[in-house]
């Protein structure tokens, strides 16, 4: 009879311990992708903080480009709002997609600003503008690396949600798949070219 009790005890331990381990693993993976998003958030905030200085510097030289400068500020404000919404809930697919779209729009108007700045030799040689462009380029690289780390963490989490037996525990505790931070515009897939 003692062998039966030992087998029964082992079976109870397995039935209880395995779901607990799977649940804890899912929580760890969810926290990992949320932390990875926080790293993107830090870099995007830095990017958004640099843009008003860039516009102020450009404004002194580009008096006839008011529409473009206003479009940059408007896109920056939209991206900043989308970043805050995604920061509040990185598990919300709509917030992540909205952020990706807003960042894509911001990248487009910044590209237009840099293209227009080519027509202003004084602006291209301005030390403040050169420094801001260098900082922005560096930040863009950091955003790309952070986005890659986030997408890797999301993929690992989503894979765990779909695999057996963790998918049973995930359904039981209402875990939902995370959303990748994907490039919304094919132009963003191209290398950034900064010319002075």
N, C-alpha and C. Protein backbone atom coordinates (compact mmCIF):
# COMPACT_ATOMS: atom_id res chain seq x y z
N UNK A 1 0.81 -1.18 0.00
CA UNK A 1 0.00 0.00 0.00
C UNK A 1 0.86 1.26 0.00
N UNK A 2 2.01 1.21 0.59
CA UNK A 2 2.88 2.38 0.62
C UNK A 2 3.37 2.75 -0.78
N UNK A 3 3.56 1.77 -1.66
CA UNK A 3 3.96 2.07 -3.04
C UNK A 3 2.85 2.81 -3.75
N UNK A 4 1.59 2.41 -3.50
CA UNK A 4 0.44 3.09 -4.10
C UNK A 4 0.37 4.55 -3.63
N UNK A 5 0.60 4.78 -2.37
CA UNK A 5 0.58 6.14 -1.83
C UNK A 5 1.71 7.00 -2.41
N UNK A 6 2.86 6.39 -2.60
CA UNK A 6 3.99 7.12 -3.18
C UNK A 6 3.67 7.51 -4.62
N UNK A 7 3.13 6.59 -5.39
CA UNK A 7 2.75 6.88 -6.79
C UNK A 7 1.67 7.96 -6.81
N UNK A 8 0.70 7.85 -5.95
CA UNK A 8 -0.38 8.84 -5.88
C UNK A 8 0.17 10.21 -5.49
N UNK A 9 1.07 10.25 -4.54
CA UNK A 9 1.69 11.51 -4.11
C UNK A 9 2.50 12.14 -5.24
N UNK A 10 3.27 11.33 -5.96
CA UNK A 10 4.05 11.83 -7.10
C UNK A 10 3.12 12.36 -8.18
N UNK A 11 2.04 11.65 -8.45
CA UNK A 11 1.08 12.09 -9.45
C UNK A 11 0.44 13.42 -9.07
N UNK A 12 0.07 13.58 -7.80
CA UNK A 12 -0.53 14.83 -7.32
C UNK A 12 0.48 15.97 -7.44
N UNK A 13 1.71 15.69 -7.08
CA UNK A 13 2.76 16.73 -7.18
C UNK A 13 2.94 17.16 -8.63
N UNK A 14 2.97 16.20 -9.56
CA UNK A 14 3.13 16.52 -10.99
C UNK A 14 1.95 17.33 -11.49
N UNK A 15 0.74 16.90 -11.13
CA UNK A 15 -0.46 17.59 -11.59
C UNK A 15 -0.52 19.02 -11.06
N UNK A 16 0.00 19.27 -9.90
CA UNK A 16 0.00 20.61 -9.31
C UNK A 16 1.23 21.40 -9.74
N UNK A 17 2.39 20.78 -9.71
CA UNK A 17 3.64 21.50 -9.97
C UNK A 17 3.80 21.92 -11.43
N UNK A 18 3.42 21.07 -12.37
CA UNK A 18 3.62 21.40 -13.79
C UNK A 18 2.81 22.63 -14.19
N UNK A 19 1.52 22.71 -13.89
CA UNK A 19 0.80 23.95 -14.24
C UNK A 19 1.36 25.20 -13.55
N UNK A 20 1.79 25.04 -12.31
CA UNK A 20 2.38 26.19 -11.61
C UNK A 20 3.66 26.63 -12.31
N UNK A 21 4.50 25.70 -12.70
CA UNK A 21 5.73 26.03 -13.40
C UNK A 21 5.44 26.68 -14.75
N UNK A 22 4.46 26.16 -15.48
CA UNK A 22 4.09 26.74 -16.78
C UNK A 22 3.55 28.15 -16.59
N UNK A 23 2.67 28.33 -15.61
CA UNK A 23 2.11 29.66 -15.34
C UNK A 23 3.23 30.65 -15.01
N UNK A 24 4.12 30.26 -14.13
CA UNK A 24 5.23 31.15 -13.76
C UNK A 24 6.12 31.45 -14.96
N UNK A 25 6.32 30.47 -15.82
CA UNK A 25 7.11 30.70 -17.03
C UNK A 25 6.44 31.71 -17.96
N UNK A 26 5.12 31.60 -18.11
CA UNK A 26 4.38 32.54 -18.95
C UNK A 26 4.43 33.96 -18.38
N UNK A 27 4.30 34.07 -17.07
CA UNK A 27 4.39 35.38 -16.43
C UNK A 27 5.78 35.97 -16.66
N UNK A 28 6.82 35.16 -16.52
CA UNK A 28 8.19 35.62 -16.77
C UNK A 28 8.38 36.10 -18.20
N UNK A 29 7.84 35.36 -19.16
CA UNK A 29 7.97 35.76 -20.56
C UNK A 29 7.18 37.04 -20.85
N UNK A 30 5.99 37.16 -20.25
CA UNK A 30 5.21 38.39 -20.44
C UNK A 30 5.95 39.59 -19.87
N UNK A 31 6.53 39.44 -18.70
CA UNK A 31 7.30 40.53 -18.10
C UNK A 31 8.53 40.85 -18.94
N UNK A 32 9.10 39.85 -19.56
CA UNK A 32 10.28 40.07 -20.42
C UNK A 32 9.93 40.94 -21.63
N UNK A 33 8.80 40.64 -22.29
CA UNK A 33 8.47 41.47 -23.45
C UNK A 33 8.01 42.86 -23.02
N UNK A 34 7.39 42.97 -21.85
CA UNK A 34 7.02 44.31 -21.35
C UNK A 34 8.27 45.13 -21.03
N UNK A 35 9.28 44.48 -20.47
CA UNK A 35 10.54 45.17 -20.21
C UNK A 35 11.22 45.57 -21.53
N UNK A 36 11.15 44.69 -22.51
CA UNK A 36 11.73 45.01 -23.82
C UNK A 36 11.01 46.21 -24.43
N UNK A 37 9.69 46.29 -24.24
CA UNK A 37 8.97 47.46 -24.74
C UNK A 37 9.42 48.72 -24.00
N UNK A 38 9.66 48.59 -22.72
CA UNK A 38 10.12 49.75 -21.94
C UNK A 38 11.43 50.30 -22.50
N UNK A 39 12.28 49.43 -23.02
CA UNK A 39 13.54 49.88 -23.62
C UNK A 39 13.27 50.65 -24.91
N UNK A 40 12.29 50.20 -25.70
CA UNK A 40 11.89 50.96 -26.89
C UNK A 40 11.36 52.32 -26.45
N UNK A 41 10.53 52.32 -25.43
CA UNK A 41 9.91 53.54 -24.94
C UNK A 41 10.96 54.58 -24.55
N UNK A 42 12.02 54.14 -23.90
CA UNK A 42 13.09 55.06 -23.50
C UNK A 42 13.70 55.73 -24.73
N UNK A 43 13.97 54.93 -25.76
CA UNK A 43 14.60 55.48 -26.96
C UNK A 43 13.64 56.38 -27.75
N UNK A 44 12.38 55.99 -27.81
CA UNK A 44 11.41 56.83 -28.52
C UNK A 44 11.21 58.15 -27.80
N UNK A 45 11.20 58.13 -26.47
CA UNK A 45 11.08 59.38 -25.72
C UNK A 45 12.26 60.28 -26.02
N UNK A 46 13.44 59.70 -26.07
CA UNK A 46 14.63 60.48 -26.41
C UNK A 46 14.49 61.08 -27.80
N UNK A 47 14.01 60.28 -28.75
CA UNK A 47 13.79 60.76 -30.11
C UNK A 47 12.80 61.91 -30.12
N UNK A 48 11.70 61.73 -29.42
CA UNK A 48 10.66 62.77 -29.38
C UNK A 48 11.16 64.04 -28.70
N UNK A 49 12.05 63.90 -27.73
CA UNK A 49 12.61 65.07 -27.06
C UNK A 49 13.61 65.83 -27.93
N UNK A 50 14.26 65.15 -28.85
CA UNK A 50 15.23 65.80 -29.74
C UNK A 50 14.55 66.61 -30.84
N UNK A 51 13.38 66.19 -31.24
CA UNK A 51 12.74 66.80 -32.42
C UNK A 51 12.41 68.28 -32.24
N UNK A 52 11.85 68.74 -31.11
CA UNK A 52 11.60 70.19 -31.00
C UNK A 52 12.88 71.03 -31.14
N UNK A 53 14.00 70.53 -30.61
CA UNK A 53 15.27 71.26 -30.77
C UNK A 53 15.69 71.29 -32.24
N UNK A 54 15.48 70.20 -32.92
CA UNK A 54 15.80 70.13 -34.35
C UNK A 54 14.96 71.13 -35.13
N UNK A 55 13.67 71.17 -34.84
CA UNK A 55 12.77 72.10 -35.54
C UNK A 55 13.14 73.54 -35.22
N UNK A 56 13.44 73.85 -33.97
CA UNK A 56 13.83 75.22 -33.61
C UNK A 56 15.10 75.65 -34.34
N UNK A 57 16.05 74.74 -34.45
CA UNK A 57 17.29 75.05 -35.17
C UNK A 57 16.99 75.28 -36.65
N UNK A 58 16.17 74.40 -37.23
CA UNK A 58 15.84 74.52 -38.65
C UNK A 58 15.01 75.76 -38.92
N UNK A 59 14.15 76.12 -37.98
CA UNK A 59 13.25 77.27 -38.16
C UNK A 59 14.04 78.56 -38.41
N UNK A 60 15.19 78.69 -37.78
CA UNK A 60 15.99 79.89 -37.94
C UNK A 60 16.49 80.04 -39.38
N UNK A 61 16.63 78.94 -40.09
CA UNK A 61 17.16 78.99 -41.45
C UNK A 61 16.10 78.76 -42.52
N UNK A 62 15.09 78.00 -42.20
CA UNK A 62 14.09 77.58 -43.19
C UNK A 62 12.79 78.37 -43.02
N UNK A 63 12.86 79.66 -43.23
CA UNK A 63 11.68 80.50 -42.99
C UNK A 63 10.54 80.20 -43.96
N UNK A 64 10.85 79.66 -45.13
CA UNK A 64 9.81 79.40 -46.13
C UNK A 64 9.26 77.98 -46.04
N UNK A 65 9.66 77.23 -45.07
CA UNK A 65 9.25 75.83 -44.94
C UNK A 65 8.38 75.62 -43.70
N UNK A 66 7.56 76.60 -43.39
CA UNK A 66 6.74 76.55 -42.18
C UNK A 66 5.82 75.33 -42.15
N UNK A 67 5.24 74.99 -43.29
CA UNK A 67 4.32 73.85 -43.36
C UNK A 67 5.02 72.55 -42.98
N UNK A 68 6.23 72.35 -43.47
CA UNK A 68 6.99 71.14 -43.14
C UNK A 68 7.34 71.10 -41.67
N UNK A 69 7.78 72.24 -41.13
CA UNK A 69 8.14 72.29 -39.71
C UNK A 69 6.94 72.00 -38.82
N UNK A 70 5.77 72.55 -39.19
CA UNK A 70 4.55 72.27 -38.43
C UNK A 70 4.16 70.80 -38.54
N UNK A 71 4.36 70.21 -39.73
CA UNK A 71 4.03 68.79 -39.92
C UNK A 71 4.93 67.91 -39.05
N UNK A 72 6.19 68.30 -38.89
CA UNK A 72 7.11 67.54 -38.03
C UNK A 72 6.63 67.59 -36.59
N UNK A 73 6.28 68.77 -36.12
CA UNK A 73 5.82 68.91 -34.73
C UNK A 73 4.51 68.15 -34.52
N UNK A 74 3.60 68.23 -35.47
CA UNK A 74 2.33 67.52 -35.35
C UNK A 74 2.57 66.00 -35.32
N UNK A 75 3.42 65.51 -36.21
CA UNK A 75 3.72 64.07 -36.23
C UNK A 75 4.43 63.64 -34.95
N UNK A 76 5.29 64.50 -34.44
CA UNK A 76 5.98 64.21 -33.18
C UNK A 76 4.99 64.09 -32.03
N UNK A 77 4.03 65.03 -31.99
CA UNK A 77 3.02 65.01 -30.93
C UNK A 77 2.14 63.76 -31.01
N UNK A 78 1.77 63.37 -32.24
CA UNK A 78 0.97 62.15 -32.41
C UNK A 78 1.76 60.92 -31.98
N UNK A 79 3.03 60.87 -32.36
CA UNK A 79 3.87 59.74 -31.98
C UNK A 79 4.07 59.70 -30.47
N UNK A 80 4.20 60.84 -29.86
CA UNK A 80 4.38 60.90 -28.40
C UNK A 80 3.12 60.40 -27.69
N UNK A 81 1.95 60.80 -28.17
CA UNK A 81 0.69 60.33 -27.59
C UNK A 81 0.54 58.82 -27.78
N UNK A 82 0.88 58.32 -28.97
CA UNK A 82 0.80 56.88 -29.23
C UNK A 82 1.78 56.12 -28.35
N UNK A 83 2.96 56.70 -28.12
CA UNK A 83 3.96 56.06 -27.25
C UNK A 83 3.42 55.95 -25.82
N UNK A 84 2.78 57.01 -25.35
CA UNK A 84 2.23 56.99 -24.00
C UNK A 84 1.11 55.96 -23.87
N UNK A 85 0.28 55.83 -24.91
CA UNK A 85 -0.80 54.83 -24.88
C UNK A 85 -0.22 53.42 -24.87
N UNK A 86 0.81 53.18 -25.65
CA UNK A 86 1.44 51.86 -25.69
C UNK A 86 2.19 51.58 -24.39
N UNK A 87 2.80 52.61 -23.83
CA UNK A 87 3.51 52.46 -22.55
C UNK A 87 2.54 52.05 -21.45
N UNK A 88 1.34 52.60 -21.48
CA UNK A 88 0.34 52.30 -20.46
C UNK A 88 -0.10 50.84 -20.53
N UNK A 89 -0.11 50.26 -21.74
CA UNK A 89 -0.52 48.86 -21.88
C UNK A 89 0.16 48.22 -23.09
N UNK A 90 1.39 47.73 -22.92
CA UNK A 90 2.10 47.09 -24.04
C UNK A 90 1.44 45.80 -24.52
N UNK A 91 0.44 45.30 -23.78
CA UNK A 91 -0.27 44.10 -24.20
C UNK A 91 -1.41 44.42 -25.17
N UNK A 92 -1.71 45.69 -25.35
CA UNK A 92 -2.82 46.10 -26.23
C UNK A 92 -2.35 46.16 -27.68
N UNK A 93 -2.85 45.25 -28.53
CA UNK A 93 -2.42 45.23 -29.93
C UNK A 93 -2.70 46.55 -30.65
N UNK A 94 -3.84 47.18 -30.36
CA UNK A 94 -4.18 48.44 -31.03
C UNK A 94 -3.19 49.54 -30.66
N UNK A 95 -2.75 49.56 -29.41
CA UNK A 95 -1.78 50.58 -28.96
C UNK A 95 -0.44 50.38 -29.65
N UNK A 96 0.02 49.14 -29.77
CA UNK A 96 1.30 48.87 -30.43
C UNK A 96 1.21 49.19 -31.91
N UNK A 97 0.12 48.81 -32.56
CA UNK A 97 -0.05 49.13 -33.98
C UNK A 97 -0.17 50.63 -34.21
N UNK A 98 -0.87 51.32 -33.31
CA UNK A 98 -0.99 52.78 -33.42
C UNK A 98 0.37 53.44 -33.27
N UNK A 99 1.18 52.93 -32.36
CA UNK A 99 2.53 53.47 -32.18
C UNK A 99 3.38 53.25 -33.42
N UNK A 100 3.30 52.06 -33.98
CA UNK A 100 4.08 51.76 -35.19
C UNK A 100 3.68 52.69 -36.33
N UNK A 101 2.39 52.93 -36.49
CA UNK A 101 1.91 53.83 -37.55
C UNK A 101 2.34 55.27 -37.29
N UNK A 102 2.23 55.72 -36.05
CA UNK A 102 2.62 57.09 -35.72
C UNK A 102 4.12 57.29 -35.93
N UNK A 103 4.92 56.32 -35.54
CA UNK A 103 6.37 56.42 -35.73
C UNK A 103 6.72 56.40 -37.22
N UNK A 104 5.98 55.64 -37.99
CA UNK A 104 6.21 55.62 -39.43
C UNK A 104 5.92 56.99 -40.04
N UNK A 105 4.81 57.59 -39.60
CA UNK A 105 4.47 58.94 -40.09
C UNK A 105 5.52 59.96 -39.69
N UNK A 106 6.01 59.85 -38.46
CA UNK A 106 7.05 60.77 -38.00
C UNK A 106 8.33 60.59 -38.82
N UNK A 107 8.68 59.36 -39.10
CA UNK A 107 9.87 59.11 -39.92
C UNK A 107 9.73 59.72 -41.31
N UNK A 108 8.53 59.67 -41.86
CA UNK A 108 8.29 60.24 -43.19
C UNK A 108 8.47 61.75 -43.21
N UNK A 109 7.91 62.45 -42.23
CA UNK A 109 8.04 63.92 -42.24
C UNK A 109 9.46 64.35 -41.86
N UNK A 110 10.14 63.56 -41.02
CA UNK A 110 11.55 63.88 -40.73
C UNK A 110 12.40 63.72 -41.98
N UNK A 111 12.11 62.70 -42.77
CA UNK A 111 12.82 62.52 -44.03
C UNK A 111 12.61 63.70 -44.95
N UNK A 112 11.38 64.20 -44.99
CA UNK A 112 11.07 65.37 -45.81
C UNK A 112 11.82 66.60 -45.31
N UNK A 113 11.89 66.75 -43.99
CA UNK A 113 12.64 67.88 -43.40
C UNK A 113 14.11 67.81 -43.79
N UNK A 114 14.71 66.63 -43.67
CA UNK A 114 16.12 66.49 -44.01
C UNK A 114 16.36 66.70 -45.50
N UNK A 115 15.41 66.27 -46.33
CA UNK A 115 15.55 66.50 -47.77
C UNK A 115 15.50 68.00 -48.09
N UNK A 116 14.59 68.72 -47.44
CA UNK A 116 14.49 70.16 -47.65
C UNK A 116 15.71 70.90 -47.12
N UNK A 117 16.30 70.38 -46.05
CA UNK A 117 17.45 71.06 -45.45
C UNK A 117 18.66 71.06 -46.39
N UNK A 118 18.64 70.18 -47.37
CA UNK A 118 19.73 70.14 -48.36
C UNK A 118 19.81 71.46 -49.14
N UNK A 119 18.71 72.14 -49.27
CA UNK A 119 18.68 73.41 -50.00
C UNK A 119 19.15 74.60 -49.17
N UNK A 120 19.57 74.38 -47.96
CA UNK A 120 20.00 75.45 -47.06
C UNK A 120 21.42 75.16 -46.56
N UNK A 121 22.43 75.61 -47.31
CA UNK A 121 23.82 75.31 -46.94
C UNK A 121 24.20 75.80 -45.54
N UNK A 122 23.64 76.95 -45.12
CA UNK A 122 23.96 77.46 -43.78
C UNK A 122 23.45 76.50 -42.70
N UNK A 123 22.28 75.92 -42.95
CA UNK A 123 21.69 74.99 -41.99
C UNK A 123 22.51 73.70 -41.93
N UNK A 124 22.94 73.22 -43.09
CA UNK A 124 23.72 71.97 -43.14
C UNK A 124 25.05 72.11 -42.42
N UNK A 125 25.58 73.32 -42.35
CA UNK A 125 26.87 73.51 -41.69
C UNK A 125 26.73 74.00 -40.24
N UNK A 126 25.51 74.21 -39.79
CA UNK A 126 25.28 74.66 -38.42
C UNK A 126 25.65 73.55 -37.44
N UNK A 127 26.50 73.87 -36.45
CA UNK A 127 26.99 72.88 -35.49
C UNK A 127 25.85 72.26 -34.69
N UNK A 128 24.90 73.07 -34.27
CA UNK A 128 23.78 72.56 -33.49
C UNK A 128 22.97 71.56 -34.31
N UNK A 129 22.73 71.89 -35.58
CA UNK A 129 21.97 71.00 -36.45
C UNK A 129 22.74 69.71 -36.69
N UNK A 130 24.03 69.80 -36.90
CA UNK A 130 24.86 68.61 -37.13
C UNK A 130 24.83 67.70 -35.89
N UNK A 131 24.93 68.30 -34.71
CA UNK A 131 24.91 67.52 -33.48
C UNK A 131 23.55 66.85 -33.29
N UNK A 132 22.47 67.58 -33.55
CA UNK A 132 21.13 67.01 -33.40
C UNK A 132 20.90 65.87 -34.38
N UNK A 133 21.38 66.04 -35.62
CA UNK A 133 21.24 64.97 -36.60
C UNK A 133 22.02 63.73 -36.17
N UNK A 134 23.20 63.95 -35.62
CA UNK A 134 24.02 62.82 -35.16
C UNK A 134 23.33 62.10 -33.99
N UNK A 135 22.78 62.87 -33.05
CA UNK A 135 22.08 62.26 -31.92
C UNK A 135 20.83 61.52 -32.39
N UNK A 136 20.12 62.08 -33.35
CA UNK A 136 18.92 61.45 -33.87
C UNK A 136 19.26 60.15 -34.60
N UNK A 137 20.34 60.17 -35.37
CA UNK A 137 20.78 58.96 -36.07
C UNK A 137 21.17 57.88 -35.07
N UNK A 138 21.89 58.25 -34.03
CA UNK A 138 22.27 57.30 -32.99
C UNK A 138 21.03 56.73 -32.29
N UNK A 139 20.07 57.59 -32.01
CA UNK A 139 18.84 57.15 -31.35
C UNK A 139 18.06 56.22 -32.25
N UNK A 140 18.03 56.49 -33.55
CA UNK A 140 17.33 55.62 -34.50
C UNK A 140 17.92 54.21 -34.46
N UNK A 141 19.24 54.12 -34.36
CA UNK A 141 19.89 52.81 -34.28
C UNK A 141 19.48 52.09 -32.99
N UNK A 142 19.43 52.83 -31.90
CA UNK A 142 19.03 52.24 -30.62
C UNK A 142 17.58 51.78 -30.65
N UNK A 143 16.73 52.55 -31.32
CA UNK A 143 15.32 52.15 -31.47
C UNK A 143 15.24 50.84 -32.24
N UNK A 144 16.01 50.73 -33.30
CA UNK A 144 15.99 49.51 -34.12
C UNK A 144 16.45 48.30 -33.31
N UNK A 145 17.51 48.44 -32.52
CA UNK A 145 17.98 47.33 -31.69
C UNK A 145 16.95 46.98 -30.62
N UNK A 146 16.35 48.00 -30.01
CA UNK A 146 15.34 47.76 -28.98
C UNK A 146 14.11 47.08 -29.56
N UNK A 147 13.73 47.51 -30.76
CA UNK A 147 12.57 46.90 -31.42
C UNK A 147 12.84 45.44 -31.73
N UNK A 148 14.06 45.13 -32.15
CA UNK A 148 14.43 43.74 -32.43
C UNK A 148 14.35 42.90 -31.15
N UNK A 149 14.87 43.41 -30.05
CA UNK A 149 14.83 42.68 -28.77
C UNK A 149 13.38 42.47 -28.33
N UNK A 150 12.55 43.50 -28.50
CA UNK A 150 11.14 43.38 -28.14
C UNK A 150 10.46 42.31 -28.99
N UNK A 151 10.66 42.36 -30.30
CA UNK A 151 10.03 41.39 -31.18
C UNK A 151 10.49 39.96 -30.88
N UNK A 152 11.76 39.80 -30.51
CA UNK A 152 12.25 38.47 -30.11
C UNK A 152 11.53 37.99 -28.86
N UNK A 153 11.36 38.87 -27.87
CA UNK A 153 10.67 38.51 -26.63
C UNK A 153 9.20 38.18 -26.90
N UNK A 154 8.57 38.95 -27.78
CA UNK A 154 7.17 38.71 -28.14
C UNK A 154 7.04 37.35 -28.84
N UNK A 155 7.95 37.06 -29.76
CA UNK A 155 7.89 35.79 -30.48
C UNK A 155 8.03 34.62 -29.50
N UNK A 156 8.96 34.72 -28.56
CA UNK A 156 9.16 33.66 -27.58
C UNK A 156 7.90 33.46 -26.72
N UNK A 157 7.31 34.57 -26.28
CA UNK A 157 6.07 34.51 -25.49
C UNK A 157 4.94 33.89 -26.30
N UNK A 158 4.74 34.38 -27.53
CA UNK A 158 3.66 33.87 -28.37
C UNK A 158 3.85 32.39 -28.70
N UNK A 159 5.09 31.97 -28.94
CA UNK A 159 5.35 30.55 -29.18
C UNK A 159 4.92 29.72 -27.98
N UNK A 160 5.25 30.18 -26.79
CA UNK A 160 4.89 29.45 -25.57
C UNK A 160 3.37 29.36 -25.43
N UNK A 161 2.65 30.42 -25.82
CA UNK A 161 1.19 30.42 -25.75
C UNK A 161 0.58 29.36 -26.66
N UNK A 162 1.26 29.07 -27.76
CA UNK A 162 0.70 28.14 -28.74
C UNK A 162 1.14 26.69 -28.53
N UNK A 163 2.19 26.47 -27.77
CA UNK A 163 2.72 25.11 -27.60
C UNK A 163 1.98 24.36 -26.50
N UNK A 164 1.88 23.06 -26.70
CA UNK A 164 1.27 22.17 -25.71
C UNK A 164 2.32 21.79 -24.68
N UNK A 165 2.06 21.74 -23.44
CA UNK A 165 0.81 21.92 -22.71
C UNK A 165 0.59 23.34 -22.21
N UNK A 166 1.56 24.24 -22.49
CA UNK A 166 1.44 25.60 -21.97
C UNK A 166 0.23 26.33 -22.55
N UNK A 167 -0.22 25.92 -23.75
CA UNK A 167 -1.41 26.58 -24.31
C UNK A 167 -2.65 26.33 -23.44
N UNK A 168 -2.71 25.19 -22.77
CA UNK A 168 -3.85 24.90 -21.89
C UNK A 168 -3.84 25.82 -20.67
N UNK A 169 -2.68 26.00 -20.10
CA UNK A 169 -2.56 26.89 -18.93
C UNK A 169 -2.80 28.34 -19.37
N UNK A 170 -2.30 28.71 -20.54
CA UNK A 170 -2.49 30.08 -21.04
C UNK A 170 -3.97 30.39 -21.24
N UNK A 171 -4.70 29.45 -21.81
CA UNK A 171 -6.14 29.65 -21.99
C UNK A 171 -6.86 29.73 -20.64
N UNK A 172 -6.46 28.87 -19.73
CA UNK A 172 -7.09 28.83 -18.41
C UNK A 172 -6.94 30.16 -17.67
N UNK A 173 -5.79 30.81 -17.83
CA UNK A 173 -5.53 32.07 -17.13
C UNK A 173 -5.62 33.29 -18.04
N UNK A 174 -6.22 33.13 -19.21
CA UNK A 174 -6.54 34.22 -20.15
C UNK A 174 -5.32 35.02 -20.60
N UNK A 175 -4.21 34.35 -20.85
CA UNK A 175 -3.06 35.01 -21.47
C UNK A 175 -3.41 35.27 -22.93
N UNK A 176 -3.07 36.44 -23.43
CA UNK A 176 -3.34 36.77 -24.83
C UNK A 176 -2.02 37.01 -25.55
N UNK A 177 -1.98 36.72 -26.86
CA UNK A 177 -0.74 36.94 -27.60
C UNK A 177 -0.34 38.41 -27.60
N UNK A 178 0.95 38.65 -27.64
CA UNK A 178 1.48 40.01 -27.73
C UNK A 178 1.61 40.39 -29.20
N UNK A 179 1.69 41.67 -29.47
CA UNK A 179 1.78 42.18 -30.84
C UNK A 179 3.20 42.60 -31.14
N UNK A 180 3.68 42.18 -32.31
CA UNK A 180 5.01 42.59 -32.76
C UNK A 180 5.01 44.08 -33.08
N UNK A 181 6.14 44.72 -32.91
CA UNK A 181 6.31 46.13 -33.30
C UNK A 181 6.93 46.09 -34.68
N UNK A 182 6.06 46.06 -35.69
CA UNK A 182 6.51 45.88 -37.06
C UNK A 182 6.63 47.22 -37.79
N UNK A 183 7.50 47.22 -38.77
CA UNK A 183 7.66 48.39 -39.61
C UNK A 183 6.41 48.54 -40.45
N UNK A 184 5.76 49.69 -40.32
CA UNK A 184 4.50 49.91 -41.02
C UNK A 184 4.70 50.43 -42.43
N UNK A 185 5.87 50.94 -42.72
CA UNK A 185 6.14 51.57 -44.01
C UNK A 185 7.40 50.96 -44.61
N UNK A 186 7.31 50.50 -45.83
CA UNK A 186 8.46 49.87 -46.49
C UNK A 186 9.65 50.81 -46.61
N UNK A 187 9.42 52.12 -46.60
CA UNK A 187 10.55 53.07 -46.68
C UNK A 187 11.43 52.96 -45.44
N UNK A 188 10.86 52.56 -44.31
CA UNK A 188 11.65 52.41 -43.08
C UNK A 188 12.61 51.24 -43.16
N UNK A 189 12.38 50.31 -44.07
CA UNK A 189 13.25 49.15 -44.21
C UNK A 189 14.57 49.53 -44.88
N UNK A 190 14.58 50.67 -45.55
CA UNK A 190 15.78 51.12 -46.23
C UNK A 190 16.74 51.73 -45.23
N UNK A 191 18.02 51.72 -45.56
CA UNK A 191 19.02 52.33 -44.68
C UNK A 191 18.83 53.84 -44.64
N UNK A 192 19.06 54.40 -43.47
CA UNK A 192 18.94 55.85 -43.31
C UNK A 192 20.19 56.48 -43.92
N UNK A 193 19.99 57.48 -44.76
CA UNK A 193 21.11 58.18 -45.37
C UNK A 193 21.11 59.62 -44.89
N UNK A 194 22.14 59.96 -44.19
CA UNK A 194 22.30 61.34 -43.72
C UNK A 194 23.42 61.95 -44.51
N UNK A 195 23.10 63.01 -45.25
CA UNK A 195 24.09 63.69 -46.07
C UNK A 195 24.26 65.10 -45.58
N UNK A 196 25.51 65.55 -45.57
CA UNK A 196 25.80 66.92 -45.12
C UNK A 196 26.36 67.73 -46.26
